[in-house]
Amino acid sequence: GHEGGLPLIILPPGKEEDAHRAGGGSCVLLHFCGHGHIGQIFPSDWLTEGAIEGSALAQIVASHLRVDTTLTCIFDCCESSTLFQE
């Protein structure tokens, strides 16, 4: 499943280390385009790995961001407004 992390992170070649070195004051963009349902998103491998619950997504994101990081999320899917609600 997706419990251990996001299913797919696409970075430009040679930028993989930048994702791990983001320092204080960094800006991070999370973009998802696909299918969604109330409190869930369905990545391309959802049939085998399952949907990602909004609460799990919030936990994953929060555990990988420093307090002084600005996160911008773009969700192009149905019911996206319910993803980070408790």
Protein backbone atom coordinates (compact mmCIF):
# COMPACT_ATOMS: atom_id res chain seq x y z
CA GLY A 1 0.00 0.00 0.00
CA HIS A 2 0.88 3.65 0.29
CA GLU A 3 1.28 3.66 4.07
CA GLY A 4 5.04 4.32 3.94
CA GLY A 5 4.93 7.32 1.65
CA LEU A 6 3.51 8.92 -1.43
CA PRO A 7 3.13 6.57 -4.39
CA LEU A 8 5.04 8.64 -6.93
CA ILE A 9 7.25 11.67 -6.67
CA ILE A 10 8.47 13.10 -9.96
CA LEU A 11 11.53 15.32 -9.81
CA PRO A 12 13.69 16.66 -12.63
CA PRO A 13 16.85 14.60 -13.26
CA GLY A 14 19.57 15.45 -10.77
CA LYS A 15 17.15 17.05 -8.29
CA GLU A 16 16.42 13.98 -6.14
CA GLU A 17 18.79 15.14 -3.39
CA ASP A 18 17.10 18.56 -3.27
CA ALA A 19 13.93 16.95 -1.94
CA HIS A 20 15.84 15.64 1.06
CA ARG A 21 17.84 18.82 1.67
CA ALA A 22 15.01 21.37 1.68
CA GLY A 23 15.94 23.76 4.45
CA GLY A 24 14.13 26.32 6.51
CA GLY A 25 11.85 28.65 4.63
CA SER A 26 11.44 26.22 1.72
CA CYS A 27 8.37 26.04 -0.47
CA VAL A 28 6.93 22.67 -1.48
CA LEU A 29 4.32 21.97 -4.14
CA LEU A 30 2.10 18.89 -3.97
CA HIS A 31 0.16 18.37 -7.19
CA PHE A 32 -2.32 15.57 -7.85
CA CYS A 33 -4.44 15.21 -10.95
CA GLY A 34 -6.72 12.21 -11.08
CA HIS A 35 -9.76 10.74 -9.39
CA GLY A 36 -11.04 11.49 -5.91
CA HIS A 37 -13.92 10.68 -3.62
CA ILE A 38 -14.93 12.00 -0.22
CA GLY A 39 -11.71 12.05 1.80
CA GLN A 40 -9.73 9.93 -0.71
CA ILE A 41 -7.59 10.21 -3.82
CA PHE A 42 -7.04 7.43 -6.31
CA PRO A 43 -3.53 7.34 -7.77
CA SER A 44 -2.82 5.43 -10.99
CA ASP A 45 -2.02 2.24 -9.04
CA TRP A 46 -5.07 2.36 -6.79
CA LEU A 47 -6.47 -0.96 -8.05
CA THR A 48 -3.49 -2.82 -6.63
CA GLU A 49 -2.36 -0.44 -3.85
CA GLY A 50 -5.65 1.11 -2.76
CA ALA A 51 -6.85 4.66 -2.40
CA ILE A 52 -5.01 7.17 -0.24
CA GLU A 53 -7.12 8.47 2.63
CA GLY A 54 -6.97 12.20 3.30
CA SER A 55 -5.97 11.59 6.93
CA ALA A 56 -3.06 9.37 5.81
CA LEU A 57 -2.02 11.96 3.24
CA ALA A 58 -2.07 14.68 5.92
CA GLN A 59 0.09 12.52 8.21
CA ILE A 60 2.60 11.76 5.45
CA VAL A 61 2.88 15.40 4.45
CA ALA A 62 3.11 16.68 8.04
CA SER A 63 5.78 14.16 9.00
CA HIS A 64 8.04 15.20 6.10
CA LEU A 65 7.76 19.00 6.34
CA ARG A 66 9.65 21.33 8.62
CA VAL A 67 7.56 23.78 10.61
CA ASP A 68 8.82 26.76 8.57
CA THR A 69 7.98 25.19 5.19
CA THR A 70 5.24 26.61 2.98
CA LEU A 71 3.12 23.87 1.40
CA THR A 72 0.94 24.55 -1.62
CA CYS A 73 -1.43 21.76 -2.68
CA ILE A 74 -3.16 21.55 -6.04
CA PHE A 75 -5.71 18.75 -6.24
CA ASP A 76 -7.43 18.43 -9.60
CA CYS A 77 -9.96 15.76 -8.62
CA CYS A 78 -13.50 15.36 -7.36
CA GLU A 79 -14.13 16.00 -3.65
CA SER A 80 -10.66 17.51 -3.16
CA SER A 81 -11.96 19.97 -0.57
CA THR A 82 -12.44 17.09 1.89
CA LEU A 83 -8.87 15.73 1.81
CA PHE A 84 -7.35 17.49 4.83
CA GLN A 85 -10.47 17.67 6.98
CA GLU A 86 -10.60 15.71 10.20
